[in-house]
Amino acid sequence: MKKTLFAVATLALAAAMPSLSVAGEADTCKGCHNGSVAPAVDALKSKFKTADALVAGAKASANPMMKAVQGDEAKLKAAAAELVK
């Protein structure tokens, strides 16, 4: 019984580890914005000179993959500030 409980606790801890890491907001964008799925981060930096322009571009995007992040303006602003700096 103790071995089973220990194994379950170990698996739960291992499953929770990725959520404990703290990445920058822009890191979530880099998963898709790699040049093959969506425009690369460098292309976004050259197209949008300010964080506000990048947020406006993200909100205006008609791409269905952007729908999930378009509603979270705080996250968009944080990611844009990281990308533009």
Protein backbone atom coordinates (compact mmCIF):
# COMPACT_ATOMS: atom_id res chain seq x y z
CA MET A 1 0.00 0.00 0.00
CA LYS A 2 2.83 2.39 0.87
CA LYS A 3 4.57 1.62 -2.41
CA THR A 4 1.41 2.39 -4.37
CA LEU A 5 0.85 5.63 -2.50
CA PHE A 6 4.47 6.64 -3.04
CA ALA A 7 4.24 5.80 -6.75
CA VAL A 8 1.05 7.82 -7.17
CA ALA A 9 2.57 10.78 -5.31
CA THR A 10 5.71 10.59 -7.45
CA LEU A 11 3.69 10.51 -10.67
CA ALA A 12 1.58 13.45 -9.53
CA LEU A 13 4.70 15.46 -8.73
CA ALA A 14 6.29 14.58 -12.07
CA ALA A 15 3.10 15.59 -13.89
CA ALA A 16 2.96 18.92 -12.04
CA MET A 17 6.60 19.89 -12.66
CA PRO A 18 6.12 21.55 -16.07
CA SER A 19 3.41 23.82 -14.70
CA LEU A 20 5.71 24.97 -11.90
CA SER A 21 8.24 26.48 -14.27
CA VAL A 22 7.77 30.14 -15.00
CA ALA A 23 8.49 31.25 -18.53
CA GLY A 24 8.17 34.67 -20.03
CA GLU A 25 4.92 35.60 -21.71
CA ALA A 26 6.68 35.81 -25.08
CA ASP A 27 7.83 32.20 -24.76
CA THR A 28 4.26 31.03 -25.27
CA CYS A 29 4.19 32.92 -28.58
CA LYS A 30 7.46 31.45 -29.82
CA GLY A 31 5.93 27.99 -30.02
CA CYS A 32 3.86 28.96 -33.07
CA HIS A 33 5.73 32.06 -34.22
CA ASN A 34 8.72 30.10 -35.49
CA GLY A 35 8.48 30.90 -39.19
CA SER A 36 6.78 27.68 -40.25
CA VAL A 37 3.46 27.82 -38.42
CA ALA A 38 3.21 31.61 -38.07
CA PRO A 39 5.48 34.55 -38.88
CA ALA A 40 8.77 34.36 -36.98
CA VAL A 41 9.36 36.58 -33.96
CA ASP A 42 12.00 38.56 -35.89
CA ALA A 43 9.47 39.27 -38.64
CA LEU A 44 7.01 40.52 -36.04
CA LYS A 45 9.68 42.78 -34.53
CA SER A 46 10.42 44.35 -37.90
CA LYS A 47 6.75 44.75 -38.81
CA PHE A 48 5.57 46.16 -35.47
CA LYS A 49 7.87 48.79 -33.95
CA THR A 50 6.01 49.29 -30.66
CA ALA A 51 4.31 46.99 -28.17
CA ASP A 52 0.99 48.75 -28.73
CA ALA A 53 1.22 48.18 -32.48
CA LEU A 54 2.00 44.50 -31.90
CA VAL A 55 -1.00 44.12 -29.57
CA ALA A 56 -3.24 45.84 -32.11
CA GLY A 57 -1.94 43.54 -34.86
CA ALA A 58 -2.55 40.46 -32.73
CA LYS A 59 -6.09 41.55 -31.92
CA ALA A 60 -6.80 42.33 -35.59
CA SER A 61 -5.53 38.95 -36.80
CA ALA A 62 -8.15 36.82 -38.51
CA ASN A 63 -6.16 33.62 -37.97
CA PRO A 64 -8.27 31.16 -35.94
CA MET A 65 -5.18 30.08 -33.97
CA MET A 66 -5.00 33.57 -32.47
CA LYS A 67 -8.55 33.42 -31.03
CA ALA A 68 -7.33 31.87 -27.79
CA VAL A 69 -4.99 34.76 -26.95
CA GLN A 70 -6.95 37.65 -28.43
CA GLY A 71 -9.23 37.83 -25.42
CA ASP A 72 -6.41 38.18 -22.89
CA GLU A 73 -5.13 41.72 -23.48
CA ALA A 74 -2.90 41.70 -20.39
CA LYS A 75 -1.06 38.64 -21.65
CA LEU A 76 -0.76 40.16 -25.13
CA LYS A 77 0.68 43.38 -23.68
CA ALA A 78 3.18 41.50 -21.52
CA ALA A 79 4.34 39.35 -24.44
CA ALA A 80 4.57 42.35 -26.76
CA ALA A 81 6.63 44.28 -24.22
CA GLU A 82 9.07 41.35 -24.00
CA LEU A 83 9.31 40.99 -27.76
CA VAL A 84 9.78 44.66 -28.60
CA LYS A 85 12.41 45.49 -25.96
